[in-house]
């Protein structure tokens, strides 16, 4: 295994938790497919991140419609790789994501 160009906090935490897991992930390039909860967090984060990028340039938030469109686009793209747990309902998780975006837009991005 070659020396990495940089080491992130996430990599350090993984190595300290389990060196073998670190080896499989960064030495062998094996990735664990995201679960539904991970997918939900990632896609909500993407929509909020895109809003902040827009706000930095224009001092204006994206519309709620634009944010839910961003969330929806990333959700549809990433569900192809996700492995939902038996107790995870993709439709319900997606609805939760839309609700989280609405709550963010109404209460935080003011």
Foldseek 3Di string as FASTA:
>chain_A
DDDDPDADPVLVVVCVVPVVVSCCCPVVVDDDQAELVVLLVVLLVQLVVVQVVVCVVVVAGDDLVVSLVSSVVSSVVRVVRYDYDPVDDNVVSNVVSSVVSVCCVVPPRD
